[in-house]
C-alpha atoms as a PDB file:
ATOM      1  CA  UNK A   1      96.711 114.253 129.275  1.00  0.00           C
ATOM      2  CA  UNK A   2     100.477 114.355 129.725  1.00  0.00           C
ATOM      3  CA  UNK A   3     102.191 117.591 130.690  1.00  0.00           C
ATOM      4  CA  UNK A   4     103.220 119.502 127.563  1.00  0.00           C
ATOM      5  CA  UNK A   5     106.866 119.483 128.647  1.00  0.00           C
ATOM      6  CA  UNK A   6     106.816 115.659 128.716  1.00  0.00           C
ATOM      7  CA  UNK A   7     105.494 115.203 125.178  1.00  0.00           C
ATOM      8  CA  UNK A   8     107.656 114.263 122.220  1.00  0.00           C
ATOM      9  CA  UNK A   9     106.805 116.715 119.423  1.00  0.00           C
ATOM     10  CA  UNK A  10     107.111 115.804 115.729  1.00  0.00           C
ATOM     11  CA  UNK A  11     107.477 118.188 112.793  1.00  0.00           C
ATOM     12  CA  UNK A  12     106.837 117.545 109.146  1.00  0.00           C
ATOM     13  CA  UNK A  13     109.833 116.797 106.970  1.00  0.00           C
ATOM     14  CA  UNK A  14     108.500 119.623 104.793  1.00  0.00           C
ATOM     15  CA  UNK A  15     109.181 122.244 107.505  1.00  0.00           C
ATOM     16  CA  UNK A  16     111.478 125.163 106.799  1.00  0.00           C
ATOM     17  CA  UNK A  17     115.132 124.651 107.674  1.00  0.00           C
ATOM     18  CA  UNK A  18     114.736 126.963 110.689  1.00  0.00           C
ATOM     19  CA  UNK A  19     111.831 124.807 111.906  1.00  0.00           C
ATOM     20  CA  UNK A  20     109.789 127.818 112.963  1.00  0.00           C
ATOM     21  CA  UNK A  21     106.995 127.732 110.405  1.00  0.00           C
ATOM     22  CA  UNK A  22     105.145 124.480 110.920  1.00  0.00           C
ATOM     23  CA  UNK A  23     102.592 122.534 112.850  1.00  0.00           C
ATOM     24  CA  UNK A  24     103.960 120.144 115.445  1.00  0.00           C
ATOM     25  CA  UNK A  25     102.127 117.025 116.619  1.00  0.00           C
ATOM     26  CA  UNK A  26     102.491 114.967 119.795  1.00  0.00           C
ATOM     27  CA  UNK A  27     100.719 111.897 121.097  1.00  0.00           C
ATOM     28  CA  UNK A  28      99.162 112.356 124.520  1.00  0.00           C
ATOM     29  CA  UNK A  29      98.235 108.908 125.787  1.00  0.00           C
ATOM     30  CA  UNK A  30      95.990 107.120 125.962  1.00  0.00           C
ATOM     31  CA  UNK A  31      94.025 108.454 122.958  1.00  0.00           C
ATOM     32  CA  UNK A  32      94.924 112.104 122.577  1.00  0.00           C
ATOM     33  CA  UNK A  33      96.649 114.070 119.860  1.00  0.00           C
ATOM     34  CA  UNK A  34      98.036 117.537 120.550  1.00  0.00           C
ATOM     35  CA  UNK A  35      98.823 120.093 117.841  1.00  0.00           C
ATOM     36  CA  UNK A  36     100.674 123.393 118.099  1.00  0.00           C
ATOM     37  CA  UNK A  37     102.093 126.123 115.868  1.00  0.00           C
ATOM     38  CA  UNK A  38     105.886 126.093 116.239  1.00  0.00           C
ATOM     39  CA  UNK A  39     106.035 129.890 116.571  1.00  0.00           C
ATOM     40  CA  UNK A  40     103.530 129.834 119.485  1.00  0.00           C
ATOM     41  CA  UNK A  41     104.301 126.577 121.315  1.00  0.00           C
ATOM     42  CA  UNK A  42     102.215 127.398 124.407  1.00  0.00           C
ATOM     43  CA  UNK A  43      98.989 127.510 122.370  1.00  0.00           C
ATOM     44  CA  UNK A  44      97.857 123.938 121.767  1.00  0.00           C
ATOM     45  CA  UNK A  45      94.818 122.192 120.353  1.00  0.00           C
ATOM     46  CA  UNK A  46      93.956 118.774 121.679  1.00  0.00           C
ATOM     47  CA  UNK A  47      91.850 116.204 119.887  1.00  0.00           C
ATOM     48  CA  UNK A  48      91.688 112.460 119.434  1.00  0.00           C
ATOM     49  CA  UNK A  49      92.809 110.157 116.646  1.00  0.00           C
ATOM     50  CA  UNK A  50      89.323 109.610 115.236  1.00  0.00           C
ATOM     51  CA  UNK A  51      88.510 113.326 114.984  1.00  0.00           C
ATOM     52  CA  UNK A  52      91.908 114.217 113.486  1.00  0.00           C
ATOM     53  CA  UNK A  53      91.611 111.428 110.911  1.00  0.00           C
ATOM     54  CA  UNK A  54      88.122 112.642 109.957  1.00  0.00           C
ATOM     55  CA  UNK A  55      89.444 116.192 109.509  1.00  0.00           C
ATOM     56  CA  UNK A  56      92.362 115.076 107.338  1.00  0.00           C
ATOM     57  CA  UNK A  57      90.179 112.829 105.173  1.00  0.00           C
ATOM     58  CA  UNK A  58      87.622 115.629 104.810  1.00  0.00           C
ATOM     59  CA  UNK A  59      90.279 118.089 103.675  1.00  0.00           C
ATOM     60  CA  UNK A  60      91.752 115.566 101.227  1.00  0.00           C
ATOM     61  CA  UNK A  61      88.431 114.636  99.667  1.00  0.00           C
ATOM     62  CA  UNK A  62      87.213 118.239  99.423  1.00  0.00           C
ATOM     63  CA  UNK A  63      90.381 119.399  97.696  1.00  0.00           C
ATOM     64  CA  UNK A  64      90.872 122.150 100.291  1.00  0.00           C
ATOM     65  CA  UNK A  65      94.353 123.588 100.122  1.00  0.00           C
ATOM     66  CA  UNK A  66      95.011 122.184  96.671  1.00  0.00           C
ATOM     67  CA  UNK A  67      93.852 125.239  94.762  1.00  0.00           C
ATOM     68  CA  UNK A  68      91.055 123.151  93.211  1.00  0.00           C
ATOM     69  CA  UNK A  69      88.016 124.251  95.226  1.00  0.00           C
END
């Protein structure tokens, strides 16, 4: 995995104006994805594209976070 300082981090366009209340995502080649909380940038979670996609699809199909559980 690439050094954290070398990664290009992306924030959601829905982040607060200050940019300090969001999840940031970076691609760590060849197949890694790294996530961090913008307020605690040293704490990261690494995964891969397949696992992250499965998580997102699972959340979407379960209605988690929508208030419709």
